[in-house]
């Protein structure tokens, strides 16, 4: 199994990421003779979870504020 690259994963929609996460977690239970497989699966799972959490914790974009009337300039004190 190739390690999933972060840029490739970020291009996927969240429902596809969730499906891959479930698949990788199931594969962790069925580790075969390849000693690197658990390591690669853990990395892929961590990457997917990171991307999913980034979407949840992303700051929400605010609507631009309307400009109000110009405030009078403050007088400078000498």
C-alpha atoms as a PDB file:
ATOM      1  CA  UNK A   1       0.000   0.000   0.000  1.00  0.00           C
ATOM      2  CA  UNK A   2       1.317   3.412  -0.917  1.00  0.00           C
ATOM      3  CA  UNK A   3       1.194   6.150   1.663  1.00  0.00           C
ATOM      4  CA  UNK A   4      -1.551   8.618   0.838  1.00  0.00           C
ATOM      5  CA  UNK A   5      -0.047  12.013   0.057  1.00  0.00           C
ATOM      6  CA  UNK A   6      -1.472  15.000   1.913  1.00  0.00           C
ATOM      7  CA  UNK A   7      -2.104  17.082  -1.227  1.00  0.00           C
ATOM      8  CA  UNK A   8      -3.985  14.226  -2.862  1.00  0.00           C
ATOM      9  CA  UNK A   9      -6.119  13.773   0.243  1.00  0.00           C
ATOM     10  CA  UNK A  10      -6.930  17.481   0.529  1.00  0.00           C
ATOM     11  CA  UNK A  11      -8.345  17.396  -3.001  1.00  0.00           C
ATOM     12  CA  UNK A  12     -10.951  14.803  -1.967  1.00  0.00           C
ATOM     13  CA  UNK A  13     -14.400  15.673  -0.577  1.00  0.00           C
ATOM     14  CA  UNK A  14     -15.037  14.915   3.088  1.00  0.00           C
ATOM     15  CA  UNK A  15     -17.378  11.982   2.403  1.00  0.00           C
ATOM     16  CA  UNK A  16     -14.639  10.252   0.367  1.00  0.00           C
ATOM     17  CA  UNK A  17     -12.162  10.921   3.179  1.00  0.00           C
ATOM     18  CA  UNK A  18     -14.545   9.336   5.672  1.00  0.00           C
ATOM     19  CA  UNK A  19     -14.858   6.240   3.484  1.00  0.00           C
ATOM     20  CA  UNK A  20     -11.087   5.931   3.185  1.00  0.00           C
ATOM     21  CA  UNK A  21     -10.711   6.373   6.928  1.00  0.00           C
ATOM     22  CA  UNK A  22     -13.089   3.465   7.568  1.00  0.00           C
ATOM     23  CA  UNK A  23     -11.259   1.327   5.006  1.00  0.00           C
ATOM     24  CA  UNK A  24      -7.841   2.025   6.523  1.00  0.00           C
ATOM     25  CA  UNK A  25      -9.120   1.333  10.033  1.00  0.00           C
ATOM     26  CA  UNK A  26     -10.516  -2.031   8.867  1.00  0.00           C
ATOM     27  CA  UNK A  27      -7.190  -2.841   7.192  1.00  0.00           C
ATOM     28  CA  UNK A  28      -5.383  -2.172  10.477  1.00  0.00           C
ATOM     29  CA  UNK A  29      -7.219  -5.177  11.905  1.00  0.00           C
ATOM     30  CA  UNK A  30      -6.106  -7.393   9.020  1.00  0.00           C
ATOM     31  CA  UNK A  31      -2.376  -6.683   8.976  1.00  0.00           C
ATOM     32  CA  UNK A  32      -0.539  -9.303   6.933  1.00  0.00           C
ATOM     33  CA  UNK A  33       3.136 -10.169   6.553  1.00  0.00           C
ATOM     34  CA  UNK A  34       4.278  -6.686   5.529  1.00  0.00           C
ATOM     35  CA  UNK A  35       5.932  -5.135   8.616  1.00  0.00           C
ATOM     36  CA  UNK A  36       5.598  -1.584   7.200  1.00  0.00           C
ATOM     37  CA  UNK A  37       1.859  -1.839   6.609  1.00  0.00           C
ATOM     38  CA  UNK A  38       0.726  -0.860  10.134  1.00  0.00           C
ATOM     39  CA  UNK A  39       3.092   2.107  10.090  1.00  0.00           C
ATOM     40  CA  UNK A  40       1.821   3.288   6.696  1.00  0.00           C
ATOM     41  CA  UNK A  41      -1.818   2.815   7.694  1.00  0.00           C
ATOM     42  CA  UNK A  42      -1.371   4.789  10.919  1.00  0.00           C
ATOM     43  CA  UNK A  43       0.194   7.656   8.973  1.00  0.00           C
ATOM     44  CA  UNK A  44      -2.622   7.644   6.407  1.00  0.00           C
ATOM     45  CA  UNK A  45      -5.267   7.575   9.156  1.00  0.00           C
ATOM     46  CA  UNK A  46      -3.581  10.469  10.974  1.00  0.00           C
ATOM     47  CA  UNK A  47      -3.425  12.518   7.779  1.00  0.00           C
ATOM     48  CA  UNK A  48      -7.105  11.966   7.031  1.00  0.00           C
ATOM     49  CA  UNK A  49      -8.146  12.831  10.582  1.00  0.00           C
ATOM     50  CA  UNK A  50      -6.038  15.986  10.427  1.00  0.00           C
ATOM     51  CA  UNK A  51      -7.705  17.116   7.198  1.00  0.00           C
ATOM     52  CA  UNK A  52     -11.190  16.396   8.559  1.00  0.00           C
ATOM     53  CA  UNK A  53     -10.428  18.367  11.741  1.00  0.00           C
ATOM     54  CA  UNK A  54      -9.010  21.281   9.762  1.00  0.00           C
ATOM     55  CA  UNK A  55     -12.368  21.607   8.028  1.00  0.00           C
ATOM     56  CA  UNK A  56     -14.228  21.631  11.347  1.00  0.00           C
ATOM     57  CA  UNK A  57     -11.939  24.150  13.023  1.00  0.00           C
ATOM     58  CA  UNK A  58     -11.500  26.485  10.076  1.00  0.00           C
ATOM     59  CA  UNK A  59     -12.471  30.077  10.855  1.00  0.00           C
ATOM     60  CA  UNK A  60     -15.721  31.077   9.270  1.00  0.00           C
ATOM     61  CA  UNK A  61     -15.573  33.862   6.767  1.00  0.00           C
ATOM     62  CA  UNK A  62     -17.390  36.973   7.877  1.00  0.00           C
ATOM     63  CA  UNK A  63     -19.373  39.128   5.535  1.00  0.00           C
ATOM     64  CA  UNK A  64     -17.610  42.391   4.772  1.00  0.00           C
ATOM     65  CA  UNK A  65     -18.782  45.202   6.992  1.00  0.00           C
ATOM     66  CA  UNK A  66     -20.619  48.099   5.496  1.00  0.00           C
ATOM     67  CA  UNK A  67     -18.823  51.372   5.548  1.00  0.00           C
ATOM     68  CA  UNK A  68     -20.484  53.864   7.805  1.00  0.00           C
ATOM     69  CA  UNK A  69     -20.324  57.608   7.554  1.00  0.00           C
ATOM     70  CA  UNK A  70     -16.877  59.081   7.748  1.00  0.00           C
ATOM     71  CA  UNK A  71     -15.930  59.894  11.301  1.00  0.00           C
ATOM     72  CA  UNK A  72     -14.818  63.443  11.979  1.00  0.00           C
ATOM     73  CA  UNK A  73     -11.079  63.792  12.304  1.00  0.00           C
ATOM     74  CA  UNK A  74      -9.696  64.221  15.766  1.00  0.00           C
ATOM     75  CA  UNK A  75      -8.060  67.545  16.525  1.00  0.00           C
ATOM     76  CA  UNK A  76      -4.364  67.298  17.066  1.00  0.00           C
ATOM     77  CA  UNK A  77      -3.122  68.786  20.266  1.00  0.00           C
ATOM     78  CA  UNK A  78       0.217  70.622  20.109  1.00  0.00           C
END
